[in-house]
Amino acid sequence: MLAARIGGAHAEVSRCIAASLQCQVSCEEGMARRVARGEPLSSEAVRLLRQCAELCELNARALQKESRLARRTASLCFDLANLVARASWLDAEDRDSYTLARDALQLARACRPLLFT
């Protein structure tokens, strides 16, 4: 059973999956907003958001499939979500940046029990 393997209950795994999918959407929207404002795809902020969206998707899939790598993807999501939250909060240009920071923090909070229990 995956929950036993990664140290979390089924509800905690489900919360991490849901938070991963929400954060993926927020990161994709944040990336699209930045590009629409003329920021290059190669900018550090856009690359961070792209990595976050891709990792969130990978994490959700790994957890859903009960992959042996799920603990690693959850750990990476925890770390990257904290970076995204901090960057979004500090660089808040609009309400959407705060929403992105909130979603990233919710992801970090949702994945944390899977890592530190």
Protein backbone atom coordinates (compact mmCIF):
# COMPACT_ATOMS: atom_id res chain seq x y z
CA MET A 1 0.00 0.00 0.00
CA LEU A 2 1.35 3.39 -1.00
CA ALA A 3 0.33 5.22 2.15
CA ALA A 4 2.38 2.83 4.26
CA ARG A 5 5.29 2.97 1.85
CA ILE A 6 5.62 6.75 1.90
CA GLY A 7 4.62 7.23 5.51
CA GLY A 8 1.20 8.80 5.10
CA ALA A 9 -2.46 7.88 5.41
CA HIS A 10 -4.68 7.61 2.35
CA ALA A 11 -6.26 10.99 3.14
CA GLU A 12 -2.82 12.64 3.28
CA VAL A 13 -1.89 11.15 -0.09
CA SER A 14 -5.17 12.39 -1.57
CA ARG A 15 -4.55 15.90 -0.18
CA CYS A 16 -1.06 15.95 -1.69
CA ILE A 17 -2.43 14.88 -5.08
CA ALA A 18 -5.15 17.54 -5.02
CA ALA A 19 -2.71 20.24 -3.90
CA SER A 20 -0.25 19.18 -6.62
CA LEU A 21 -2.88 19.52 -9.31
CA GLN A 22 -4.02 22.93 -8.00
CA CYS A 23 -0.46 24.20 -7.79
CA GLN A 24 0.22 22.94 -11.31
CA VAL A 25 -2.67 25.04 -12.62
CA SER A 26 -1.51 28.09 -10.65
CA CYS A 27 2.07 27.76 -11.90
CA GLU A 28 0.90 27.38 -15.50
CA GLU A 29 -1.32 30.45 -15.16
CA GLY A 30 1.50 32.42 -13.54
CA MET A 31 3.85 31.45 -16.32
CA ALA A 32 1.29 32.48 -18.96
CA ARG A 33 0.76 35.86 -17.25
CA ARG A 34 4.48 36.58 -17.20
CA VAL A 35 4.93 35.61 -20.85
CA ALA A 36 1.89 37.71 -21.82
CA ARG A 37 3.54 40.71 -20.12
CA GLY A 38 6.56 40.17 -22.35
CA GLU A 39 8.85 38.27 -20.00
CA PRO A 40 11.05 35.84 -21.96
CA LEU A 41 10.60 32.09 -21.58
CA SER A 42 14.23 31.90 -20.52
CA SER A 43 13.77 34.19 -17.51
CA GLU A 44 14.44 32.71 -14.09
CA ALA A 45 10.88 33.28 -12.88
CA VAL A 46 9.27 31.64 -15.91
CA ARG A 47 11.64 28.67 -15.70
CA LEU A 48 10.86 28.24 -11.99
CA LEU A 49 7.13 28.21 -12.71
CA ARG A 50 7.57 25.76 -15.59
CA GLN A 51 9.59 23.43 -13.37
CA CYS A 52 6.97 23.72 -10.65
CA ALA A 53 4.09 22.90 -13.01
CA GLU A 54 5.92 19.93 -14.49
CA LEU A 55 6.98 18.59 -11.10
CA CYS A 56 3.47 19.00 -9.69
CA GLU A 57 2.09 16.93 -12.55
CA LEU A 58 4.76 14.28 -12.07
CA ASN A 59 4.12 14.16 -8.33
CA ALA A 60 0.37 13.70 -8.79
CA ARG A 61 0.96 10.90 -11.29
CA ALA A 62 3.55 9.18 -9.09
CA LEU A 63 1.22 9.27 -6.11
CA GLN A 64 -1.78 8.08 -8.12
CA LYS A 65 0.20 5.18 -9.58
CA GLU A 66 1.76 4.29 -6.22
CA SER A 67 5.20 4.70 -7.75
CA ARG A 68 8.28 3.81 -5.73
CA LEU A 69 9.49 7.32 -6.58
CA ALA A 70 6.50 9.01 -4.94
CA ARG A 71 8.39 9.90 -1.77
CA ARG A 72 11.10 11.58 -3.88
CA THR A 73 8.67 13.53 -6.03
CA ALA A 74 6.77 14.63 -2.91
CA SER A 75 10.05 15.77 -1.36
CA LEU A 76 11.00 17.73 -4.46
CA CYS A 77 7.51 19.28 -4.58
CA PHE A 78 7.84 20.30 -0.94
CA ASP A 79 11.15 22.06 -1.65
CA LEU A 80 10.15 23.64 -4.94
CA ALA A 81 6.75 24.78 -3.65
CA ASN A 82 8.46 26.64 -0.83
CA LEU A 83 10.73 28.38 -3.37
CA VAL A 84 7.79 29.30 -5.59
CA ALA A 85 5.77 30.59 -2.64
CA ARG A 86 8.62 32.78 -1.47
CA ALA A 87 9.37 34.12 -4.95
CA SER A 88 5.70 34.81 -5.65
CA TRP A 89 5.18 36.56 -2.34
CA LEU A 90 8.26 38.74 -2.71
CA ASP A 91 7.57 39.53 -6.36
CA ALA A 92 3.85 40.08 -5.92
CA GLU A 93 2.76 42.38 -8.70
CA ASP A 94 -0.91 41.55 -8.42
CA ARG A 95 -3.47 39.46 -6.58
CA ASP A 96 -2.67 36.46 -8.78
CA SER A 97 0.87 36.36 -7.38
CA TYR A 98 -0.55 36.01 -3.88
CA THR A 99 -2.86 33.24 -5.10
CA LEU A 100 0.12 31.42 -6.55
CA ALA A 101 2.02 31.83 -3.27
CA ARG A 102 -0.98 30.47 -1.36
CA ASP A 103 -1.35 27.45 -3.65
CA ALA A 104 2.36 26.68 -3.44
CA LEU A 105 2.27 26.87 0.35
CA GLN A 106 -0.77 24.59 0.41
CA LEU A 107 1.16 22.09 -1.68
CA ALA A 108 4.13 22.20 0.68
CA ARG A 109 1.78 21.73 3.64
CA ALA A 110 -0.04 18.86 1.95
CA CYS A 111 3.16 16.99 1.03
CA ARG A 112 4.91 17.55 4.35
CA PRO A 113 3.13 14.75 6.28
CA LEU A 114 4.21 12.26 3.64
CA LEU A 115 7.84 13.15 4.27
CA PHE A 116 8.17 13.82 7.96
CA THR A 117 6.02 11.16 9.64
